[in-house]
Amino acid sequence: MNASGRSASPAVPTPSKRSGHAARRTGFPSCTMCTTVHDRRLPGRGLTPMTLDAAPHLHPAVLSPRPQPGRHRRDLHQSSRAFVLLTCIVATLALMLSLPAGLQAAEATVIVPFGGGILRDDAQTVAAAAARIEALRLSTASLGRDSAALFSAETPARLLSLTAATFEAHTTATSVVGYPPEVGVAVNIRTTPRGGDAATALRAALRAPEKLELREGILLHTRENLLEARQLALDAARHRQKAGTESESPYDRRFAALARTLRSLDTLERALSYLDGVWRHPIILAADMRQVVEASPEMPLGWTFLGEALLQLDRPQDAVEALDRALALPDAPVRARLARGIANLRLDLTALAVDDLSRVLREAPRLAPAWRARGAARMMRREYGPMCEDFIQACNLGDCEGLASARDAGHCLAPARPQTVKADD
């Protein structure tokens, strides 16, 4: 999600002149990850009144007047208590937009603190990911009222995946809020229907179950990383608060690693727009996936997508190397072994191809491309009986191209059809 610049906005109401913390109220969404900011305005850091007044829609959680001389210690104590109490998730006020078929988009803002060893860019990555998930969650409520969505979404995770496939997220504003040493970055996200028509986007998503499953896994990992990143941001902020300086904390390195992972997951999810049976733009996909595996080499899906792109670019040996890396990691997807089996077939390594594809079919016996690929490998090995069985199974599942080619070559002409789907001979 690319951060856009601030847009001109109406004047902000003047904060309360009472001492302590005065929450500013506007007609815009409030923050959802209220990792709040310090309430003192000091020179430096570019935190001028214009910085905040130019973006009232970011709704900083806490604002109060400039501290007076002699009140620094008491204000610091009050701010510390408020900072700890307000570092929590608060209810998000959504901006609901009217869309076709009763589907609704939403808007959410998240503020994440930074400073010390936590960089602003990393905090912005976390805030943007959290705001997107929150906006999608709000849109899910309306999507869940659609009968087709309810019928296809067996779990809340699948419903969220369907929502993400129906709505795309846009960063509408990004700004630094708060006062040193407690500053944060606020990101506002708004969801809109893909292609401008939510009903059409929903139908397209329902016709692509493979992409829904991939997106579901990516979103699951995104939410898991956000939970940890949110807690680390709060722990690091408390550490800086206790130390009274912008010193580094023991949480900073892990936070940076989680931010890198979230950026990689975002790239993976965006890549799904290229998937349409095969990958469109495999050159672009390969370049994007190289960045993913360099930043997050522990991510098997990045290696898998890279291997599939290289395979489409007719580089089977390079594809095998990438897919080997994917399969050496925990939770490697079945599609990684399928792609490696096809790559081995391209390299005329038919024994390895049959082994990979047989293992795929034991896990996913209704995967037509695996039946067809194993049939092709057995054709090269001149194992015509098993070859015909594989091609017929693929045809039963909707892929009859291999069977047609075999019959054109004079094979598989008998009318026999297997009664059950089995993975091995």
Protein backbone atom coordinates (compact mmCIF):
# COMPACT_ATOMS: atom_id res chain seq x y z
CA MET A 1 0.00 0.00 0.00
CA ASN A 2 1.55 3.21 -1.07
CA ALA A 3 1.31 6.12 1.30
CA SER A 4 -0.11 9.24 -0.25
CA GLY A 5 0.64 12.76 0.83
CA ARG A 6 -1.59 14.77 3.09
CA SER A 7 -4.52 16.48 1.51
CA ALA A 8 -5.96 19.84 2.41
CA SER A 9 -8.54 19.61 5.16
CA PRO A 10 -10.85 21.93 7.06
CA ALA A 11 -9.56 23.63 10.14
CA VAL A 12 -9.35 21.53 13.26
CA PRO A 13 -11.25 22.54 16.38
CA THR A 14 -8.99 24.05 18.99
CA PRO A 15 -7.96 21.55 21.69
CA SER A 16 -9.30 21.98 25.18
CA LYS A 17 -7.34 24.35 27.38
CA ARG A 18 -7.72 22.21 30.42
CA SER A 19 -4.55 20.61 31.75
CA GLY A 20 -3.92 16.93 31.15
CA HIS A 21 -5.17 15.03 28.13
CA ALA A 22 -8.05 16.25 26.00
CA ALA A 23 -9.24 13.96 23.28
CA ARG A 24 -9.88 15.74 20.02
CA ARG A 25 -13.15 14.70 18.36
CA THR A 26 -13.72 15.03 14.64
CA GLY A 27 -16.14 13.62 12.11
CA PHE A 28 -13.46 11.22 10.84
CA PRO A 29 -12.57 7.64 11.80
CA SER A 30 -10.68 7.09 15.02
CA CYS A 31 -7.58 4.97 15.33
CA THR A 32 -7.93 1.26 15.84
CA MET A 33 -4.51 0.35 17.22
CA CYS A 34 -4.45 3.16 19.74
CA THR A 35 -0.78 3.00 20.54
CA THR A 36 -1.08 6.62 21.50
CA VAL A 37 1.38 9.48 21.40
CA HIS A 38 2.84 11.87 23.95
CA ASP A 39 0.86 15.03 24.65
CA ARG A 40 3.65 17.59 24.66
CA ARG A 41 4.57 19.76 21.69
CA LEU A 42 8.28 20.50 21.59
CA PRO A 43 10.40 22.11 18.84
CA GLY A 44 12.16 19.89 16.35
CA ARG A 45 11.11 16.66 14.62
CA GLY A 46 8.94 18.75 12.29
CA LEU A 47 5.98 18.46 14.65
CA THR A 48 4.48 21.90 14.15
CA PRO A 49 0.81 22.79 14.66
CA MET A 50 0.42 22.69 10.87
CA THR A 51 1.60 19.08 10.79
CA LEU A 52 -1.36 18.00 12.89
CA ASP A 53 -3.91 20.56 11.79
CA ALA A 54 -3.44 19.59 8.14
CA ALA A 55 -4.78 16.10 8.79
CA PRO A 56 -7.75 16.09 11.15
CA HIS A 57 -8.98 12.84 9.61
CA LEU A 58 -6.05 11.04 11.27
CA HIS A 59 -7.68 11.87 14.60
CA PRO A 60 -4.68 11.81 16.99
CA ALA A 61 -5.73 10.00 20.12
CA VAL A 62 -4.50 12.60 22.56
CA LEU A 63 -3.87 16.35 22.30
CA SER A 64 -3.35 18.96 25.00
CA PRO A 65 -1.97 22.49 25.21
CA ARG A 66 1.71 23.28 25.25
CA PRO A 67 3.13 22.63 28.74
CA GLN A 68 3.97 25.62 30.89
CA PRO A 69 7.33 26.11 32.64
CA GLY A 70 7.61 24.23 35.90
CA ARG A 71 5.00 21.63 34.95
CA HIS A 72 7.28 19.27 32.98
CA ARG A 73 7.56 16.54 35.62
CA ARG A 74 3.84 16.48 36.44
CA ASP A 75 2.90 16.47 32.73
CA LEU A 76 5.37 13.69 32.06
CA HIS A 77 3.85 11.62 34.85
CA GLN A 78 0.32 12.22 33.59
CA SER A 79 1.35 11.46 30.03
CA SER A 80 3.08 8.24 31.09
CA ARG A 81 -0.04 6.98 32.82
CA ALA A 82 -2.22 7.87 29.86
CA PHE A 83 0.22 6.32 27.41
CA VAL A 84 0.12 2.98 29.20
CA LEU A 85 -3.66 3.05 29.64
CA LEU A 86 -4.39 4.01 26.06
CA THR A 87 -2.04 1.59 24.30
CA CYS A 88 -4.82 -0.77 23.32
CA ILE A 89 -7.17 -1.52 20.50
CA VAL A 90 -10.17 0.78 20.57
CA ALA A 91 -13.38 0.66 18.62
CA THR A 92 -13.01 1.93 15.06
CA LEU A 93 -15.52 4.32 13.65
CA ALA A 94 -15.99 3.22 10.03
CA LEU A 95 -16.88 5.44 7.14
CA MET A 96 -19.46 3.28 5.37
CA LEU A 97 -19.94 3.85 1.67
CA SER A 98 -22.97 2.79 -0.37
CA LEU A 99 -22.07 0.07 -2.88
CA PRO A 100 -23.95 -2.22 -5.23
CA ALA A 101 -25.67 -5.34 -3.94
CA GLY A 102 -25.68 -4.06 -0.38
CA LEU A 103 -21.90 -4.45 -0.06
CA GLN A 104 -20.07 -1.76 1.88
CA ALA A 105 -16.54 -0.46 2.05
CA ALA A 106 -14.94 0.92 5.18
CA GLU A 107 -12.23 3.22 6.43
CA ALA A 108 -9.91 2.83 9.41
CA THR A 109 -6.92 4.64 10.90
CA VAL A 110 -4.14 3.09 12.95
CA ILE A 111 -1.40 4.83 14.94
CA VAL A 112 1.79 2.95 15.82
CA PRO A 113 4.55 4.52 17.95
CA PHE A 114 8.14 4.72 16.77
CA GLY A 115 11.43 6.08 18.02
CA GLY A 116 14.69 4.78 19.40
CA GLY A 117 15.56 1.72 17.35
CA ILE A 118 12.11 1.47 15.75
CA LEU A 119 12.18 3.28 12.43
CA ARG A 120 9.29 5.31 11.13
CA ASP A 121 9.14 3.27 7.89
CA ASP A 122 8.76 0.03 9.86
CA ALA A 123 6.08 1.52 12.10
CA GLN A 124 4.27 2.81 9.00
CA THR A 125 4.35 -0.68 7.47
CA VAL A 126 2.76 -2.15 10.59
CA ALA A 127 0.17 0.63 10.83
CA ALA A 128 -0.81 0.26 7.17
CA ALA A 129 -1.19 -3.53 7.45
CA ALA A 130 -3.23 -3.23 10.64
CA ALA A 131 -5.49 -0.52 9.20
CA ARG A 132 -6.11 -2.62 6.10
CA ILE A 133 -7.06 -5.69 8.12
CA GLU A 134 -9.40 -3.59 10.25
CA ALA A 135 -11.05 -1.98 7.20
CA LEU A 136 -11.46 -5.41 5.59
CA ARG A 137 -12.94 -6.77 8.81
CA LEU A 138 -15.52 -4.01 8.77
CA SER A 139 -16.34 -4.71 5.13
CA THR A 140 -16.65 -8.41 5.94
CA ALA A 141 -19.72 -7.68 8.04
CA SER A 142 -21.63 -6.53 4.98
CA LEU A 143 -20.18 -9.24 2.73
CA GLY A 144 -21.37 -11.85 5.21
CA ARG A 145 -24.97 -10.88 4.42
CA ASP A 146 -24.52 -12.00 0.81
CA SER A 147 -25.91 -15.52 0.32
CA ALA A 148 -23.26 -16.55 -2.21
CA ALA A 149 -20.46 -15.41 0.08
CA LEU A 150 -21.95 -17.21 3.06
CA PHE A 151 -22.37 -20.41 1.03
CA SER A 152 -18.72 -20.46 -0.11
CA ALA A 153 -17.01 -19.14 3.04
CA GLU A 154 -16.86 -22.04 5.47
CA THR A 155 -14.76 -20.15 8.04
CA PRO A 156 -14.22 -16.54 9.14
CA ALA A 157 -10.72 -16.74 7.61
CA ARG A 158 -12.15 -17.68 4.22
CA LEU A 159 -14.74 -14.89 4.50
CA LEU A 160 -11.93 -12.39 5.17
CA SER A 161 -10.08 -13.76 2.13
CA LEU A 162 -13.19 -13.32 0.03
CA THR A 163 -13.55 -9.75 1.31
CA ALA A 164 -9.93 -8.98 0.41
CA ALA A 165 -10.55 -10.38 -3.07
CA THR A 166 -13.65 -8.19 -3.44
CA PHE A 167 -12.28 -4.94 -2.00
CA GLU A 168 -8.90 -3.33 -2.53
CA ALA A 169 -7.31 -1.06 0.05
CA HIS A 170 -5.94 2.42 -0.58
CA THR A 171 -3.80 4.54 1.72
CA THR A 172 -5.55 7.90 1.87
CA ALA A 173 -3.27 9.66 4.36
CA THR A 174 -0.09 9.15 6.37
CA SER A 175 1.21 11.51 9.03
CA VAL A 176 3.43 11.74 12.07
CA VAL A 177 1.46 12.56 15.21
CA GLY A 178 2.40 13.29 18.79
CA TYR A 179 5.29 14.95 20.55
CA PRO A 180 8.79 13.70 21.40
CA PRO A 181 9.74 11.39 22.94
CA GLU A 182 6.40 9.71 22.20
CA VAL A 183 5.58 10.03 18.54
CA GLY A 184 3.67 7.77 16.22
CA VAL A 185 2.84 7.34 12.58
CA ALA A 186 -0.83 7.33 11.60
CA VAL A 187 -2.06 5.58 8.46
CA ASN A 188 -5.58 5.86 7.10
CA ILE A 189 -6.86 3.07 4.82
CA ARG A 190 -10.05 3.03 2.77
CA THR A 191 -11.41 0.00 0.96
CA THR A 192 -13.09 0.27 -2.43
CA PRO A 193 -14.56 -2.46 -4.64
CA ARG A 194 -12.15 -3.92 -7.17
CA GLY A 195 -12.98 -2.66 -10.63
CA GLY A 196 -15.53 -0.27 -9.15
CA ASP A 197 -18.23 -2.94 -8.85
CA ALA A 198 -18.36 -4.99 -5.66
CA ALA A 199 -20.93 -7.48 -6.96
CA THR A 200 -18.86 -8.26 -10.06
CA ALA A 201 -15.67 -8.51 -8.00
CA LEU A 202 -17.39 -10.91 -5.60
CA ARG A 203 -18.52 -13.20 -8.42
CA ALA A 204 -15.00 -13.20 -9.91
CA ALA A 205 -13.51 -14.09 -6.52
CA LEU A 206 -15.94 -16.97 -6.06
CA ARG A 207 -14.87 -18.39 -9.42
CA ALA A 208 -11.21 -18.53 -8.33
CA PRO A 209 -11.03 -20.86 -5.28
CA GLU A 210 -7.30 -21.42 -5.76
CA LYS A 211 -6.58 -17.73 -5.29
CA LEU A 212 -8.95 -17.56 -2.31
CA GLU A 213 -7.06 -20.34 -0.58
CA LEU A 214 -3.69 -18.69 -1.24
CA ARG A 215 -4.97 -15.32 -0.04
CA GLU A 216 -6.42 -16.91 3.08
CA GLY A 217 -3.02 -18.29 4.06
CA ILE A 218 -1.30 -14.97 3.39
CA LEU A 219 -3.84 -13.05 5.48
CA LEU A 220 -3.53 -15.57 8.30
CA HIS A 221 0.23 -15.03 8.46
CA THR A 222 -0.30 -11.27 8.21
CA ARG A 223 -2.60 -11.24 11.23
CA GLU A 224 -0.24 -13.44 13.25
CA ASN A 225 2.68 -11.10 12.55
CA LEU A 226 0.57 -8.04 13.35
CA LEU A 227 -0.33 -9.38 16.78
CA GLU A 228 3.32 -9.75 17.66
CA ALA A 229 4.36 -6.46 16.05
CA ARG A 230 1.67 -4.54 17.94
CA GLN A 231 2.83 -5.94 21.26
CA LEU A 232 6.48 -5.21 20.46
CA ALA A 233 5.63 -1.61 19.55
CA LEU A 234 3.94 -1.15 22.92
CA ASP A 235 6.78 -2.83 24.81
CA ALA A 236 9.37 -0.69 23.03
CA ALA A 237 7.39 2.47 23.75
CA ARG A 238 7.16 1.60 27.44
CA HIS A 239 10.90 0.90 27.46
CA ARG A 240 11.68 4.33 25.98
CA GLN A 241 9.22 5.94 28.36
CA LYS A 242 10.82 4.32 31.39
CA ALA A 243 14.32 5.20 30.21
CA GLY A 244 13.27 8.78 29.47
CA THR A 245 15.41 8.83 26.31
CA GLU A 246 15.22 7.79 22.67
CA SER A 247 17.38 4.76 23.45
CA GLU A 248 17.11 1.46 21.61
CA SER A 249 15.16 -1.35 23.20
CA PRO A 250 15.54 -5.14 23.09
CA TYR A 251 12.39 -5.29 20.95
CA ASP A 252 13.61 -3.20 18.02
CA ARG A 253 15.31 -5.87 15.91
CA ARG A 254 12.38 -8.24 16.08
CA PHE A 255 10.01 -5.41 15.18
CA ALA A 256 12.12 -4.61 12.10
CA ALA A 257 12.05 -8.27 11.08
CA LEU A 258 8.28 -8.40 11.42
CA ALA A 259 7.95 -5.25 9.31
CA ARG A 260 10.04 -6.91 6.58
CA THR A 261 7.82 -9.97 6.75
CA LEU A 262 4.67 -7.85 6.46
CA ARG A 263 6.08 -6.11 3.37
CA SER A 264 6.86 -9.51 1.84
CA LEU A 265 3.37 -10.79 2.60
CA ASP A 266 1.89 -7.71 0.99
CA THR A 267 3.97 -8.34 -2.15
CA LEU A 268 2.82 -11.96 -2.22
CA GLU A 269 -0.83 -10.96 -1.96
CA ARG A 270 -0.48 -8.34 -4.67
CA ALA A 271 1.11 -10.97 -6.92
CA LEU A 272 -2.14 -12.95 -6.87
CA SER A 273 -3.55 -10.42 -9.35
CA TYR A 274 -1.24 -12.03 -11.95
CA LEU A 275 -2.59 -15.54 -11.33
CA ASP A 276 -5.14 -16.72 -13.86
CA GLY A 277 -4.55 -20.46 -14.23
CA VAL A 278 -0.99 -19.58 -15.19
CA TRP A 279 0.98 -16.51 -14.19
CA ARG A 280 0.56 -13.42 -16.33
CA HIS A 281 3.70 -11.25 -16.50
CA PRO A 282 6.12 -13.95 -15.22
CA ILE A 283 9.12 -11.64 -15.71
CA ILE A 284 7.62 -9.06 -13.33
CA LEU A 285 6.58 -11.83 -10.94
CA ALA A 286 10.10 -13.30 -10.88
CA ALA A 287 11.61 -9.89 -10.10
CA ASP A 288 9.11 -9.27 -7.30
CA MET A 289 9.63 -12.72 -5.81
CA ARG A 290 13.41 -12.31 -5.80
CA GLN A 291 12.91 -9.28 -3.59
CA VAL A 292 10.61 -11.31 -1.35
CA VAL A 293 13.03 -14.21 -0.88
CA GLU A 294 15.93 -11.83 -0.26
CA ALA A 295 13.97 -10.03 2.46
CA SER A 296 12.20 -13.12 3.86
CA PRO A 297 14.07 -16.30 2.87
CA GLU A 298 12.07 -18.27 5.44
CA MET A 299 8.86 -17.79 3.44
CA PRO A 300 8.11 -20.91 1.31
CA LEU A 301 5.42 -19.23 -0.77
CA GLY A 302 7.92 -16.68 -2.06
CA TRP A 303 10.24 -19.45 -3.29
CA THR A 304 7.26 -21.30 -4.75
CA PHE A 305 6.01 -18.33 -6.76
CA LEU A 306 9.58 -17.65 -7.92
CA GLY A 307 9.98 -21.26 -9.07
CA GLU A 308 6.66 -21.16 -10.93
CA ALA A 309 7.62 -17.91 -12.68
CA LEU A 310 11.00 -19.34 -13.73
CA LEU A 311 9.27 -22.47 -15.01
CA GLN A 312 6.98 -20.36 -17.19
CA LEU A 313 10.05 -18.51 -18.47
CA ASP A 314 11.43 -21.89 -19.62
CA ARG A 315 14.17 -22.00 -17.01
CA PRO A 316 13.43 -25.38 -15.40
CA GLN A 317 16.82 -25.83 -13.75
CA ASP A 318 16.57 -22.45 -12.00
CA ALA A 319 12.98 -23.31 -11.11
CA VAL A 320 14.07 -26.58 -9.46
CA GLU A 321 16.63 -24.72 -7.35
CA ALA A 322 14.00 -22.24 -6.10
CA LEU A 323 11.46 -25.01 -5.47
CA ASP A 324 14.06 -27.04 -3.57
CA ARG A 325 14.39 -24.07 -1.23
CA ALA A 326 10.61 -23.92 -0.80
CA LEU A 327 10.28 -27.63 -0.05
CA ALA A 328 13.10 -27.49 2.50
CA LEU A 329 11.02 -25.11 4.63
CA PRO A 330 8.18 -26.00 7.00
CA ASP A 331 4.63 -25.68 5.66
CA ALA A 332 5.70 -25.76 2.01
CA PRO A 333 2.58 -25.68 -0.20
CA VAL A 334 1.60 -28.64 -2.34
CA ARG A 335 1.94 -26.48 -5.43
CA ALA A 336 5.70 -26.28 -4.82
CA ARG A 337 6.11 -30.03 -5.25
CA LEU A 338 3.77 -30.01 -8.25
CA ALA A 339 5.87 -27.31 -9.93
CA ARG A 340 9.09 -29.18 -9.15
CA GLY A 341 7.63 -32.36 -10.64
CA ILE A 342 6.80 -30.49 -13.85
CA ALA A 343 10.24 -28.87 -13.90
CA ASN A 344 11.88 -32.30 -13.53
CA LEU A 345 9.73 -33.49 -16.40
CA ARG A 346 11.01 -30.62 -18.53
CA LEU A 347 14.55 -31.69 -17.65
CA ASP A 348 13.76 -35.29 -18.70
CA LEU A 349 14.26 -36.45 -15.11
CA THR A 350 11.18 -38.63 -15.36
CA ALA A 351 11.82 -40.80 -12.30
CA LEU A 352 12.09 -37.70 -10.09
CA ALA A 353 9.03 -36.24 -11.78
CA VAL A 354 6.93 -39.36 -11.14
CA ASP A 355 8.07 -39.41 -7.50
CA ASP A 356 7.16 -35.76 -6.89
CA LEU A 357 3.83 -36.01 -8.69
CA SER A 358 2.87 -39.22 -6.88
CA ARG A 359 3.47 -37.51 -3.56
CA VAL A 360 1.37 -34.57 -4.68
CA LEU A 361 -1.50 -36.87 -5.60
CA ARG A 362 -1.39 -38.60 -2.24
CA GLU A 363 -2.03 -35.20 -0.64
CA ALA A 364 -4.38 -33.79 -3.28
CA PRO A 365 -5.96 -36.60 -5.30
CA ARG A 366 -8.34 -34.27 -7.13
CA LEU A 367 -5.59 -32.09 -8.63
CA ALA A 368 -6.04 -32.59 -12.38
CA PRO A 369 -2.72 -30.98 -13.48
CA ALA A 370 -0.81 -33.49 -11.34
CA TRP A 371 -2.57 -36.47 -12.99
CA ARG A 372 -1.87 -35.05 -16.43
CA ALA A 373 1.80 -34.29 -15.64
CA ARG A 374 2.38 -37.75 -14.21
CA GLY A 375 0.75 -39.23 -17.31
CA ALA A 376 3.17 -37.25 -19.47
CA ALA A 377 6.12 -38.48 -17.41
CA ARG A 378 4.93 -42.08 -17.82
CA MET A 379 4.53 -41.56 -21.55
CA MET A 380 8.20 -40.56 -21.72
CA ARG A 381 9.02 -43.72 -19.76
CA ARG A 382 6.85 -45.74 -22.16
CA GLU A 383 4.67 -46.96 -19.31
CA TYR A 384 1.55 -46.76 -21.44
CA GLY A 385 -0.91 -48.59 -19.18
CA PRO A 386 -0.34 -46.37 -16.11
CA MET A 387 -0.08 -43.39 -18.46
CA CYS A 388 -3.60 -43.98 -19.76
CA GLU A 389 -4.97 -44.34 -16.24
CA ASP A 390 -3.45 -41.01 -15.26
CA PHE A 391 -4.75 -39.22 -18.36
CA ILE A 392 -8.24 -40.64 -17.83
CA GLN A 393 -8.23 -39.54 -14.20
CA ALA A 394 -7.18 -36.05 -15.31
CA CYS A 395 -9.99 -36.02 -17.87
CA ASN A 396 -12.51 -37.08 -15.22
CA LEU A 397 -11.43 -34.00 -13.30
CA GLY A 398 -11.83 -31.71 -16.30
CA ASP A 399 -8.39 -31.76 -18.00
CA CYS A 400 -8.68 -33.92 -21.14
CA GLU A 401 -5.81 -32.48 -23.19
CA GLY A 402 -3.35 -35.20 -22.20
CA LEU A 403 -5.83 -37.96 -23.01
CA ALA A 404 -6.60 -36.40 -26.39
CA SER A 405 -2.89 -36.23 -27.25
CA ALA A 406 -2.39 -39.86 -26.20
CA ARG A 407 -5.31 -41.00 -28.37
CA ASP A 408 -3.96 -39.05 -31.31
CA ALA A 409 -0.77 -41.10 -30.86
CA GLY A 410 -2.78 -44.34 -30.86
CA HIS A 411 -2.87 -44.94 -27.09
CA CYS A 412 -5.68 -45.13 -24.52
CA LEU A 413 -8.29 -46.17 -27.09
CA ALA A 414 -10.02 -48.71 -24.80
CA PRO A 415 -13.28 -47.42 -23.25
CA ALA A 416 -12.35 -48.49 -19.71
CA ARG A 417 -12.81 -45.82 -17.03
CA PRO A 418 -11.60 -46.17 -13.45
CA GLN A 419 -14.35 -46.20 -10.87
CA THR A 420 -12.34 -44.52 -8.09
CA VAL A 421 -9.65 -41.89 -7.94
CA LYS A 422 -6.40 -43.26 -6.55
CA ALA A 423 -3.01 -41.64 -6.26
CA ASP A 424 -0.77 -44.63 -6.97
CA ASP A 425 -0.83 -47.76 -9.03
